[in-house]
């Protein structure tokens, strides 16, 4: 069953398995705020919502496209 994580090449993955892309987006934004709080206003997090499929030994990560990210933003704004 696919799930979502907040993942970045520098910051790595969050330690949560999110059920939706919206939850992963919120997690990524929370991490971005934490980076700014701890390291200054110019700091940022590279984490983005990422869909994960497959078994843990050979899972596949797929970053959301810009269109999918916009849809998540619209859904989150309405929630």
Protein backbone atom coordinates (compact mmCIF):
# COMPACT_ATOMS: atom_id res chain seq x y z
CA UNK A 1 0.00 0.00 0.00
CA UNK A 2 1.52 3.35 -0.97
CA UNK A 3 2.12 6.03 1.63
CA UNK A 4 3.69 9.50 1.69
CA UNK A 5 6.73 10.96 3.42
CA UNK A 6 8.43 14.34 3.48
CA UNK A 7 11.79 13.67 1.81
CA UNK A 8 14.75 15.78 0.76
CA UNK A 9 18.18 14.84 -0.55
CA UNK A 10 19.90 16.89 2.17
CA UNK A 11 17.46 16.64 5.10
CA UNK A 12 16.50 13.04 4.38
CA UNK A 13 13.12 11.54 5.19
CA UNK A 14 10.82 12.33 8.05
CA UNK A 15 10.18 9.41 10.37
CA UNK A 16 6.44 9.31 9.66
CA UNK A 17 4.35 7.32 7.19
CA UNK A 18 1.62 9.73 6.11
CA UNK A 19 -1.67 8.50 4.65
CA UNK A 20 -2.06 11.50 2.35
CA UNK A 21 0.02 13.94 0.36
CA UNK A 22 -1.55 16.76 2.36
CA UNK A 23 -0.18 15.35 5.61
CA UNK A 24 3.28 14.96 4.03
CA UNK A 25 3.12 18.57 2.79
CA UNK A 26 2.26 19.78 6.29
CA UNK A 27 5.18 17.78 7.67
CA UNK A 28 7.55 19.32 5.08
CA UNK A 29 6.33 22.84 5.92
CA UNK A 30 6.76 22.16 9.64
CA UNK A 31 10.33 21.03 9.00
CA UNK A 32 10.97 24.20 6.97
CA UNK A 33 9.75 26.36 9.87
CA UNK A 34 11.96 24.40 12.29
CA UNK A 35 15.00 24.98 10.06
CA UNK A 36 14.34 28.73 10.00
CA UNK A 37 13.80 28.83 13.76
CA UNK A 38 17.02 26.96 14.57
CA UNK A 39 19.38 28.16 11.82
CA UNK A 40 18.13 31.63 10.87
CA UNK A 41 15.81 33.25 8.35
CA UNK A 42 17.87 32.24 5.32
CA UNK A 43 17.79 28.52 6.20
CA UNK A 44 15.28 26.22 4.55
CA UNK A 45 14.31 22.56 4.31
CA UNK A 46 14.52 20.68 1.01
CA UNK A 47 11.85 18.18 2.05
CA UNK A 48 8.92 17.71 -0.32
CA UNK A 49 5.93 15.37 -0.24
CA UNK A 50 7.00 12.07 -1.79
CA UNK A 51 4.94 8.97 -2.60
CA UNK A 52 6.49 5.67 -1.51
CA UNK A 53 5.51 2.29 -2.96
CA UNK A 54 6.91 -1.21 -2.69
CA UNK A 55 8.48 -3.27 0.06
CA UNK A 56 10.99 -1.70 2.47
CA UNK A 57 13.90 -3.58 0.90
CA UNK A 58 13.15 -2.22 -2.58
CA UNK A 59 10.78 0.69 -2.19
CA UNK A 60 10.34 3.36 -4.83
CA UNK A 61 10.15 7.09 -4.05
CA UNK A 62 8.31 9.35 -6.45
CA UNK A 63 8.28 13.10 -5.93
CA UNK A 64 5.00 14.80 -6.62
CA UNK A 65 4.78 16.84 -9.80
CA UNK A 66 4.14 20.57 -9.65
CA UNK A 67 0.50 19.98 -10.70
CA UNK A 68 0.06 17.47 -7.87
CA UNK A 69 1.67 19.89 -5.39
CA UNK A 70 -0.72 22.67 -6.50
CA UNK A 71 -3.66 20.31 -5.97
CA UNK A 72 -2.38 19.55 -2.46
CA UNK A 73 -2.09 23.28 -1.77
CA UNK A 74 -5.69 23.84 -2.93
CA UNK A 75 -6.98 20.93 -0.82
CA UNK A 76 -5.04 22.10 2.23
CA UNK A 77 -6.37 25.64 1.86
CA UNK A 78 -9.93 24.31 1.83
CA UNK A 79 -9.38 22.05 4.85
